[in-house]
């Protein structure tokens, strides 16, 4: 298991990466932040220097999403997929495929949110097409990008809870 700040990353199987993180926010708020474009643009930025510039979400089973990030030196990274399962406010399953296809094909991402005493544990399992694809994703800097984004999510939750 690897830990980056408050993010824990493990490999429960040859093709999976499991990332877990505890947020000081109710599950409904965390779930909302996972599917509303105006909120995604505020926190899903990746590592420093990157930002989510394009965010389309058709949040329904069979609906699609498309994200495009811009980074340093004109770098562009795009990803999209289809929502396979939505169980509000606890579970989202979707496909993911990067434009550059550096993960060896489509991956399946399963997000599970569990609330206890006003805090929510996020568990994101990504199933890749092969062990090589999983290991490539781990070497890509994914952990640092996810940890930075989740840090921004903490800030978003604090702002929203103060405003309530």
N, C-alpha and C. Protein backbone atom coordinates (compact mmCIF):
# COMPACT_ATOMS: atom_id res chain seq x y z
N UNK A 1 0.85 -1.20 0.00
CA UNK A 1 0.00 0.00 0.00
C UNK A 1 0.88 1.24 0.00
N UNK A 2 0.52 2.23 -0.81
CA UNK A 2 1.21 3.51 -0.87
C UNK A 2 0.26 4.58 -0.35
N UNK A 3 0.80 5.55 0.35
CA UNK A 3 -0.04 6.63 0.85
C UNK A 3 0.54 7.96 0.42
N UNK A 4 -0.29 8.81 -0.18
CA UNK A 4 0.08 10.16 -0.56
C UNK A 4 -0.84 11.08 0.19
N UNK A 5 -0.29 11.81 1.16
CA UNK A 5 -1.10 12.64 2.07
C UNK A 5 -2.16 11.73 2.69
N UNK A 6 -3.43 12.01 2.44
CA UNK A 6 -4.50 11.21 3.02
C UNK A 6 -5.03 10.14 2.08
N UNK A 7 -4.42 9.99 0.94
CA UNK A 7 -4.87 9.02 -0.06
C UNK A 7 -4.09 7.72 0.10
N UNK A 8 -4.83 6.60 0.21
CA UNK A 8 -4.20 5.28 0.26
C UNK A 8 -4.42 4.60 -1.08
N UNK A 9 -3.36 4.00 -1.62
CA UNK A 9 -3.44 3.32 -2.90
C UNK A 9 -2.92 1.90 -2.71
N UNK A 10 -3.71 0.91 -3.18
CA UNK A 10 -3.29 -0.49 -3.09
C UNK A 10 -3.65 -1.20 -4.39
N UNK A 11 -3.17 -2.44 -4.52
CA UNK A 11 -3.45 -3.24 -5.70
C UNK A 11 -4.08 -4.56 -5.25
N UNK A 12 -5.42 -4.59 -5.11
CA UNK A 12 -6.09 -5.79 -4.60
C UNK A 12 -6.03 -6.99 -5.55
N UNK A 13 -5.72 -6.78 -6.84
CA UNK A 13 -5.57 -7.89 -7.77
C UNK A 13 -4.56 -7.48 -8.84
N UNK A 14 -4.26 -8.37 -9.76
CA UNK A 14 -3.29 -8.08 -10.83
C UNK A 14 -3.75 -6.98 -11.77
N UNK A 15 -5.04 -6.71 -11.81
CA UNK A 15 -5.56 -5.71 -12.77
C UNK A 15 -6.21 -4.51 -12.09
N UNK A 16 -6.23 -4.46 -10.75
CA UNK A 16 -6.95 -3.40 -10.07
C UNK A 16 -6.05 -2.47 -9.26
N UNK A 17 -6.51 -1.21 -9.19
CA UNK A 17 -5.95 -0.22 -8.27
C UNK A 17 -7.11 0.24 -7.40
N UNK A 18 -6.89 0.25 -6.09
CA UNK A 18 -7.90 0.73 -5.14
C UNK A 18 -7.34 1.97 -4.45
N UNK A 19 -8.11 3.06 -4.56
CA UNK A 19 -7.73 4.31 -3.89
C UNK A 19 -8.82 4.64 -2.87
N UNK A 20 -8.40 4.92 -1.63
CA UNK A 20 -9.37 5.27 -0.60
C UNK A 20 -8.96 6.59 0.05
N UNK A 21 -9.99 7.32 0.47
CA UNK A 21 -9.75 8.64 1.08
C UNK A 21 -10.95 8.97 1.93
N UNK A 22 -10.73 9.53 3.11
CA UNK A 22 -11.81 9.96 3.99
C UNK A 22 -12.01 11.46 3.85
N UNK A 23 -13.26 11.87 3.70
CA UNK A 23 -13.60 13.29 3.57
C UNK A 23 -14.48 13.71 4.74
N UNK A 24 -14.26 14.91 5.22
CA UNK A 24 -15.08 15.47 6.30
C UNK A 24 -16.30 16.14 5.67
N UNK A 25 -17.18 15.31 5.13
CA UNK A 25 -18.38 15.80 4.44
C UNK A 25 -19.39 14.66 4.38
N UNK A 26 -20.68 14.99 4.37
CA UNK A 26 -21.69 13.94 4.24
C UNK A 26 -21.66 13.31 2.84
N UNK A 27 -22.11 12.08 2.77
CA UNK A 27 -22.06 11.32 1.52
C UNK A 27 -22.79 12.02 0.38
N UNK A 28 -23.93 12.64 0.66
CA UNK A 28 -24.68 13.30 -0.40
C UNK A 28 -23.85 14.40 -1.07
N UNK A 29 -23.09 15.12 -0.27
CA UNK A 29 -22.25 16.19 -0.80
C UNK A 29 -21.09 15.62 -1.64
N UNK A 30 -20.50 14.53 -1.18
CA UNK A 30 -19.42 13.90 -1.94
C UNK A 30 -19.97 13.36 -3.26
N UNK A 31 -21.13 12.73 -3.21
CA UNK A 31 -21.75 12.18 -4.42
C UNK A 31 -22.03 13.29 -5.43
N UNK A 32 -22.55 14.40 -4.94
CA UNK A 32 -22.86 15.55 -5.81
C UNK A 32 -21.60 16.06 -6.50
N UNK A 33 -20.49 16.09 -5.77
CA UNK A 33 -19.23 16.59 -6.33
C UNK A 33 -18.67 15.67 -7.41
N UNK A 34 -19.15 14.43 -7.46
CA UNK A 34 -18.65 13.45 -8.43
C UNK A 34 -19.37 13.51 -9.77
N UNK A 35 -20.46 14.28 -9.86
CA UNK A 35 -21.21 14.24 -11.12
C UNK A 35 -21.68 15.59 -11.64
N UNK A 36 -21.49 16.67 -10.90
CA UNK A 36 -21.93 17.98 -11.39
C UNK A 36 -20.75 18.71 -12.03
N UNK A 37 -20.86 19.04 -13.32
CA UNK A 37 -19.72 19.66 -14.04
C UNK A 37 -19.16 20.90 -13.36
N UNK A 38 -20.02 21.79 -12.83
CA UNK A 38 -19.51 23.01 -12.21
C UNK A 38 -18.67 22.71 -10.98
N UNK A 39 -18.97 21.60 -10.29
CA UNK A 39 -18.16 21.19 -9.13
C UNK A 39 -16.92 20.44 -9.59
N UNK A 40 -17.07 19.55 -10.56
CA UNK A 40 -15.91 18.81 -11.07
C UNK A 40 -14.82 19.76 -11.56
N UNK A 41 -15.20 20.84 -12.23
CA UNK A 41 -14.21 21.80 -12.73
C UNK A 41 -13.44 22.46 -11.60
N UNK A 42 -14.02 22.52 -10.42
CA UNK A 42 -13.36 23.17 -9.27
C UNK A 42 -12.33 22.27 -8.58
N UNK A 43 -12.53 20.94 -8.66
CA UNK A 43 -11.61 20.08 -7.90
C UNK A 43 -10.87 19.05 -8.74
N UNK A 44 -11.39 18.64 -9.85
CA UNK A 44 -10.77 17.55 -10.62
C UNK A 44 -9.72 18.10 -11.58
N UNK A 45 -8.68 18.64 -11.00
CA UNK A 45 -7.69 19.34 -11.83
C UNK A 45 -6.42 18.55 -12.03
N UNK A 46 -6.14 17.60 -11.17
CA UNK A 46 -4.89 16.86 -11.28
C UNK A 46 -3.77 17.60 -10.58
N UNK A 47 -2.52 17.32 -10.98
CA UNK A 47 -1.38 17.92 -10.29
C UNK A 47 -1.28 19.42 -10.57
N UNK A 48 -0.45 20.13 -9.79
CA UNK A 48 -0.28 21.57 -10.01
C UNK A 48 0.06 21.87 -11.47
N UNK A 49 -0.55 22.93 -11.99
CA UNK A 49 -0.31 23.32 -13.38
C UNK A 49 -1.35 22.80 -14.35
N UNK A 50 -2.20 21.88 -13.91
CA UNK A 50 -3.23 21.31 -14.77
C UNK A 50 -4.59 21.85 -14.33
N UNK A 51 -5.54 21.89 -15.27
CA UNK A 51 -6.91 22.28 -14.94
C UNK A 51 -7.88 21.57 -15.89
N UNK A 52 -9.05 21.29 -15.37
CA UNK A 52 -10.11 20.67 -16.16
C UNK A 52 -10.81 21.78 -16.94
N UNK A 53 -10.58 21.84 -18.23
CA UNK A 53 -11.11 22.92 -19.07
C UNK A 53 -12.45 22.57 -19.70
N UNK A 54 -12.65 21.31 -20.01
CA UNK A 54 -13.88 20.88 -20.68
C UNK A 54 -14.49 19.73 -19.86
N UNK A 55 -15.75 19.88 -19.50
CA UNK A 55 -16.40 18.87 -18.65
C UNK A 55 -17.85 18.71 -19.09
N UNK A 56 -18.13 17.60 -19.73
CA UNK A 56 -19.50 17.26 -20.10
C UNK A 56 -19.92 16.04 -19.31
N UNK A 57 -21.13 16.07 -18.76
CA UNK A 57 -21.62 14.95 -17.97
C UNK A 57 -23.10 14.72 -18.30
N UNK A 58 -23.41 13.56 -18.80
CA UNK A 58 -24.80 13.12 -18.98
C UNK A 58 -25.01 12.03 -17.93
N UNK A 59 -25.35 12.50 -16.71
CA UNK A 59 -25.34 11.61 -15.55
C UNK A 59 -26.60 10.77 -15.47
N UNK A 60 -26.58 9.68 -16.20
CA UNK A 60 -27.65 8.67 -16.18
C UNK A 60 -27.04 7.37 -16.68
N UNK A 61 -27.62 6.25 -16.31
CA UNK A 61 -27.10 4.97 -16.80
C UNK A 61 -27.20 4.98 -18.32
N UNK A 62 -26.08 4.71 -18.96
CA UNK A 62 -25.99 4.78 -20.42
C UNK A 62 -25.54 6.14 -20.92
N UNK A 63 -25.53 7.14 -20.04
CA UNK A 63 -25.05 8.47 -20.41
C UNK A 63 -23.53 8.51 -20.45
N UNK A 64 -23.00 9.51 -21.10
CA UNK A 64 -21.55 9.59 -21.26
C UNK A 64 -20.99 10.80 -20.52
N UNK A 65 -19.67 10.80 -20.38
CA UNK A 65 -18.98 11.96 -19.85
C UNK A 65 -17.73 12.18 -20.70
N UNK A 66 -17.25 13.42 -20.66
CA UNK A 66 -16.03 13.76 -21.39
C UNK A 66 -15.31 14.84 -20.59
N UNK A 67 -14.04 14.59 -20.28
CA UNK A 67 -13.20 15.55 -19.56
C UNK A 67 -11.96 15.84 -20.40
N UNK A 68 -11.56 17.11 -20.46
CA UNK A 68 -10.31 17.49 -21.14
C UNK A 68 -9.55 18.43 -20.21
N UNK A 69 -8.33 18.01 -19.86
CA UNK A 69 -7.46 18.81 -19.01
C UNK A 69 -6.40 19.49 -19.86
N UNK A 70 -6.00 20.69 -19.41
CA UNK A 70 -4.89 21.40 -20.03
C UNK A 70 -3.80 21.52 -18.98
N UNK A 71 -2.58 21.29 -19.42
CA UNK A 71 -1.45 21.33 -18.50
C UNK A 71 -0.34 22.24 -18.98
N UNK A 72 0.80 22.14 -18.32
CA UNK A 72 1.95 22.99 -18.68
C UNK A 72 2.41 22.75 -20.12
N UNK A 73 2.96 23.79 -20.71
CA UNK A 73 3.55 23.71 -22.06
C UNK A 73 2.55 23.24 -23.12
N UNK A 74 1.28 23.59 -22.95
CA UNK A 74 0.28 23.26 -23.96
C UNK A 74 -0.19 21.81 -23.95
N UNK A 75 0.17 21.05 -22.93
CA UNK A 75 -0.25 19.64 -22.86
C UNK A 75 -1.77 19.55 -22.74
N UNK A 76 -2.35 18.57 -23.41
CA UNK A 76 -3.78 18.32 -23.35
C UNK A 76 -3.99 16.83 -23.11
N UNK A 77 -4.92 16.51 -22.19
CA UNK A 77 -5.24 15.11 -21.89
C UNK A 77 -6.75 14.98 -21.83
N UNK A 78 -7.30 14.06 -22.61
CA UNK A 78 -8.74 13.86 -22.64
C UNK A 78 -9.12 12.46 -22.19
N UNK A 79 -10.31 12.35 -21.64
CA UNK A 79 -10.82 11.05 -21.20
C UNK A 79 -12.35 11.09 -21.28
N UNK A 80 -12.93 9.96 -21.59
CA UNK A 80 -14.38 9.86 -21.61
C UNK A 80 -14.83 8.46 -21.25
N UNK A 81 -16.14 8.30 -21.17
CA UNK A 81 -16.66 6.98 -20.86
C UNK A 81 -18.17 7.01 -20.75
N UNK A 82 -18.70 5.89 -20.30
CA UNK A 82 -20.15 5.68 -20.18
C UNK A 82 -20.47 5.27 -18.75
N UNK A 83 -21.55 5.84 -18.20
CA UNK A 83 -22.04 5.43 -16.87
C UNK A 83 -22.79 4.10 -17.00
N UNK A 84 -22.33 3.11 -16.24
CA UNK A 84 -22.97 1.78 -16.28
C UNK A 84 -23.94 1.56 -15.14
N UNK A 85 -23.67 2.19 -13.99
CA UNK A 85 -24.52 1.98 -12.81
C UNK A 85 -24.47 3.24 -11.96
N UNK A 86 -25.63 3.66 -11.48
CA UNK A 86 -25.70 4.80 -10.57
C UNK A 86 -26.67 4.42 -9.46
N UNK A 87 -26.18 4.37 -8.22
CA UNK A 87 -27.02 4.11 -7.05
C UNK A 87 -26.81 5.29 -6.11
N UNK A 88 -27.66 6.28 -6.22
CA UNK A 88 -27.55 7.52 -5.46
C UNK A 88 -27.80 7.30 -3.97
N UNK A 89 -27.00 7.77 -3.08
CA UNK A 89 -25.74 8.49 -3.18
C UNK A 89 -24.54 7.61 -2.81
N UNK A 90 -24.56 6.34 -3.21
CA UNK A 90 -23.50 5.46 -2.70
C UNK A 90 -22.61 4.81 -3.74
N UNK A 91 -22.99 4.75 -5.00
CA UNK A 91 -22.18 3.96 -5.93
C UNK A 91 -22.33 4.50 -7.36
N UNK A 92 -21.19 4.56 -8.06
CA UNK A 92 -21.16 4.93 -9.47
C UNK A 92 -20.18 3.98 -10.15
N UNK A 93 -20.61 3.36 -11.24
CA UNK A 93 -19.73 2.52 -12.05
C UNK A 93 -19.72 3.10 -13.45
N UNK A 94 -18.52 3.30 -13.99
CA UNK A 94 -18.41 3.87 -15.33
C UNK A 94 -17.19 3.30 -16.04
N UNK A 95 -17.22 3.39 -17.37
CA UNK A 95 -16.04 3.06 -18.15
C UNK A 95 -15.20 4.31 -18.28
N UNK A 96 -13.90 4.11 -18.51
CA UNK A 96 -12.97 5.22 -18.72
C UNK A 96 -11.99 4.85 -19.82
N UNK A 97 -11.77 5.79 -20.74
CA UNK A 97 -10.78 5.57 -21.79
C UNK A 97 -10.10 6.91 -22.10
N UNK A 98 -8.79 6.95 -21.93
CA UNK A 98 -8.03 8.16 -22.24
C UNK A 98 -7.82 8.25 -23.75
N UNK A 99 -7.82 9.47 -24.27
CA UNK A 99 -7.61 9.69 -25.70
C UNK A 99 -6.29 9.08 -26.16
N UNK A 100 -5.26 9.19 -25.34
CA UNK A 100 -3.95 8.66 -25.69
C UNK A 100 -3.88 7.15 -25.45
N UNK A 101 -4.89 6.58 -24.83
CA UNK A 101 -4.99 5.16 -24.52
C UNK A 101 -3.71 4.60 -23.91
N UNK A 102 -3.20 5.29 -22.93
CA UNK A 102 -2.00 4.83 -22.25
C UNK A 102 -2.29 3.73 -21.23
N UNK A 103 -3.56 3.35 -21.07
CA UNK A 103 -3.90 2.28 -20.14
C UNK A 103 -4.26 0.97 -20.86
N UNK A 104 -3.94 0.89 -22.14
CA UNK A 104 -4.17 -0.38 -22.84
C UNK A 104 -5.64 -0.71 -23.04
N UNK A 105 -6.45 0.29 -23.23
CA UNK A 105 -7.88 0.07 -23.47
C UNK A 105 -8.74 0.59 -22.34
N UNK A 106 -10.01 0.29 -22.46
CA UNK A 106 -11.01 0.78 -21.52
C UNK A 106 -10.79 0.19 -20.12
N UNK A 107 -11.00 1.02 -19.12
CA UNK A 107 -10.96 0.59 -17.72
C UNK A 107 -12.36 0.76 -17.13
N UNK A 108 -12.63 0.02 -16.06
CA UNK A 108 -13.91 0.13 -15.36
C UNK A 108 -13.63 0.73 -13.98
N UNK A 109 -14.26 1.86 -13.69
CA UNK A 109 -14.07 2.54 -12.41
C UNK A 109 -15.33 2.38 -11.56
N UNK A 110 -15.15 1.88 -10.34
CA UNK A 110 -16.26 1.69 -9.41
C UNK A 110 -16.01 2.55 -8.18
N UNK A 111 -16.89 3.51 -7.96
CA UNK A 111 -16.80 4.43 -6.83
C UNK A 111 -17.84 4.02 -5.79
N UNK A 112 -17.39 3.82 -4.54
CA UNK A 112 -18.30 3.47 -3.44
C UNK A 112 -18.09 4.49 -2.33
N UNK A 113 -19.19 5.09 -1.87
CA UNK A 113 -19.15 6.09 -0.80
C UNK A 113 -19.85 5.52 0.43
N UNK A 114 -19.15 5.56 1.57
CA UNK A 114 -19.70 5.04 2.82
C UNK A 114 -19.61 6.14 3.87
N UNK A 115 -20.75 6.51 4.46
CA UNK A 115 -20.77 7.57 5.45
C UNK A 115 -20.87 7.00 6.85
N UNK A 116 -20.09 7.63 7.74
CA UNK A 116 -20.16 7.28 9.16
C UNK A 116 -19.90 8.54 9.97
N UNK A 117 -20.85 8.92 10.80
CA UNK A 117 -20.73 10.09 11.68
C UNK A 117 -20.39 11.36 10.92
N UNK A 118 -21.02 11.56 9.77
CA UNK A 118 -20.83 12.80 9.01
C UNK A 118 -19.59 12.83 8.15
N UNK A 119 -18.79 11.79 8.19
CA UNK A 119 -17.61 11.70 7.33
C UNK A 119 -17.86 10.61 6.28
N UNK A 120 -17.27 10.78 5.12
CA UNK A 120 -17.50 9.84 4.02
C UNK A 120 -16.19 9.24 3.55
N UNK A 121 -16.16 7.90 3.51
CA UNK A 121 -15.01 7.22 2.92
C UNK A 121 -15.31 6.99 1.45
N UNK A 122 -14.40 7.43 0.62
CA UNK A 122 -14.48 7.20 -0.82
C UNK A 122 -13.55 6.04 -1.14
N UNK A 123 -14.07 5.03 -1.85
CA UNK A 123 -13.25 3.91 -2.31
C UNK A 123 -13.44 3.81 -3.82
N UNK A 124 -12.38 4.06 -4.55
CA UNK A 124 -12.42 4.02 -6.02
C UNK A 124 -11.55 2.86 -6.49
N UNK A 125 -12.19 1.88 -7.12
CA UNK A 125 -11.47 0.74 -7.68
C UNK A 125 -11.47 0.87 -9.19
N UNK A 126 -10.30 0.82 -9.79
CA UNK A 126 -10.20 0.88 -11.25
C UNK A 126 -9.67 -0.47 -11.74
N UNK A 127 -10.44 -1.11 -12.62
CA UNK A 127 -10.07 -2.40 -13.20
C UNK A 127 -9.54 -2.16 -14.60
N UNK A 128 -8.27 -2.49 -14.81
CA UNK A 128 -7.62 -2.28 -16.11
C UNK A 128 -7.66 -3.55 -16.94
N UNK A 129 -7.31 -3.42 -18.20
CA UNK A 129 -7.38 -4.56 -19.13
C UNK A 129 -6.29 -5.59 -18.86
N UNK A 130 -5.23 -5.19 -18.18
CA UNK A 130 -4.12 -6.12 -17.94
C UNK A 130 -3.28 -5.62 -16.76
N UNK A 131 -2.41 -6.47 -16.28
CA UNK A 131 -1.48 -6.07 -15.23
C UNK A 131 -0.56 -4.96 -15.73
N UNK A 132 -0.14 -5.06 -16.99
CA UNK A 132 0.75 -4.05 -17.56
C UNK A 132 0.04 -2.69 -17.61
N UNK A 133 -1.23 -2.69 -17.95
CA UNK A 133 -1.99 -1.43 -18.00
C UNK A 133 -2.10 -0.83 -16.60
N UNK A 134 -2.40 -1.68 -15.62
CA UNK A 134 -2.49 -1.21 -14.23
C UNK A 134 -1.16 -0.62 -13.77
N UNK A 135 -0.09 -1.35 -14.03
CA UNK A 135 1.23 -0.88 -13.59
C UNK A 135 1.63 0.41 -14.32
N UNK A 136 1.25 0.51 -15.59
CA UNK A 136 1.52 1.74 -16.34
C UNK A 136 0.76 2.92 -15.75
N UNK A 137 -0.49 2.68 -15.35
CA UNK A 137 -1.27 3.75 -14.72
C UNK A 137 -0.61 4.19 -13.42
N UNK A 138 -0.15 3.23 -12.63
CA UNK A 138 0.51 3.58 -11.37
C UNK A 138 1.79 4.39 -11.59
N UNK A 139 2.51 4.09 -12.67
CA UNK A 139 3.75 4.82 -12.96
C UNK A 139 3.49 6.19 -13.59
N UNK A 140 2.27 6.46 -14.00
CA UNK A 140 1.96 7.68 -14.75
C UNK A 140 1.91 8.94 -13.90
N UNK A 141 1.94 8.80 -12.60
CA UNK A 141 1.74 9.96 -11.75
C UNK A 141 0.30 10.08 -11.29
N UNK A 142 -0.48 9.06 -11.55
CA UNK A 142 -1.90 9.05 -11.19
C UNK A 142 -2.10 9.37 -9.71
N UNK A 143 -1.30 8.77 -8.85
CA UNK A 143 -1.47 8.96 -7.40
C UNK A 143 -1.35 10.44 -7.03
N UNK A 144 -0.34 11.10 -7.55
CA UNK A 144 -0.13 12.51 -7.21
C UNK A 144 -1.26 13.38 -7.74
N UNK A 145 -1.73 13.08 -8.96
CA UNK A 145 -2.84 13.85 -9.52
C UNK A 145 -4.12 13.66 -8.73
N UNK A 146 -4.41 12.43 -8.35
CA UNK A 146 -5.62 12.15 -7.57
C UNK A 146 -5.50 12.79 -6.19
N UNK A 147 -4.34 12.68 -5.55
CA UNK A 147 -4.16 13.27 -4.22
C UNK A 147 -4.34 14.79 -4.27
N UNK A 148 -3.78 15.43 -5.30
CA UNK A 148 -3.93 16.89 -5.43
C UNK A 148 -5.39 17.26 -5.65
N UNK A 149 -6.08 16.51 -6.49
CA UNK A 149 -7.49 16.80 -6.75
C UNK A 149 -8.33 16.61 -5.50
N UNK A 150 -8.09 15.54 -4.75
CA UNK A 150 -8.85 15.29 -3.53
C UNK A 150 -8.57 16.37 -2.48
N UNK A 151 -7.36 16.92 -2.49
CA UNK A 151 -7.06 18.05 -1.60
C UNK A 151 -7.95 19.25 -1.93
N UNK A 152 -8.14 19.50 -3.23
CA UNK A 152 -9.03 20.59 -3.64
C UNK A 152 -10.48 20.28 -3.28
N UNK A 153 -10.83 19.01 -3.30
CA UNK A 153 -12.18 18.62 -2.90
C UNK A 153 -12.42 18.93 -1.42
N UNK A 154 -11.41 18.73 -0.59
CA UNK A 154 -11.51 19.13 0.82
C UNK A 154 -11.86 20.61 0.95
N UNK A 155 -11.18 21.44 0.17
CA UNK A 155 -11.43 22.89 0.20
C UNK A 155 -12.86 23.19 -0.24
N UNK A 156 -13.31 22.54 -1.30
CA UNK A 156 -14.68 22.74 -1.79
C UNK A 156 -15.70 22.37 -0.72
N UNK A 157 -15.49 21.24 -0.05
CA UNK A 157 -16.43 20.82 0.99
C UNK A 157 -16.44 21.81 2.16
N UNK A 158 -15.29 22.29 2.55
CA UNK A 158 -15.23 23.26 3.64
C UNK A 158 -15.98 24.54 3.27
N UNK A 159 -15.82 25.01 2.04
CA UNK A 159 -16.54 26.22 1.59
C UNK A 159 -18.05 25.99 1.59
N UNK A 160 -18.48 24.85 1.09
CA UNK A 160 -19.92 24.58 0.99
C UNK A 160 -20.54 24.41 2.37
N UNK A 161 -19.80 23.79 3.30
CA UNK A 161 -20.35 23.60 4.63
C UNK A 161 -20.40 24.91 5.41
N UNK A 162 -19.45 25.82 5.16
CA UNK A 162 -19.49 27.12 5.82
C UNK A 162 -20.64 27.96 5.30
N UNK A 163 -20.95 27.80 4.00
CA UNK A 163 -22.03 28.58 3.38
C UNK A 163 -23.41 28.08 3.81
N UNK A 164 -23.50 26.82 4.27
CA UNK A 164 -24.80 26.24 4.63
C UNK A 164 -25.30 26.75 5.96
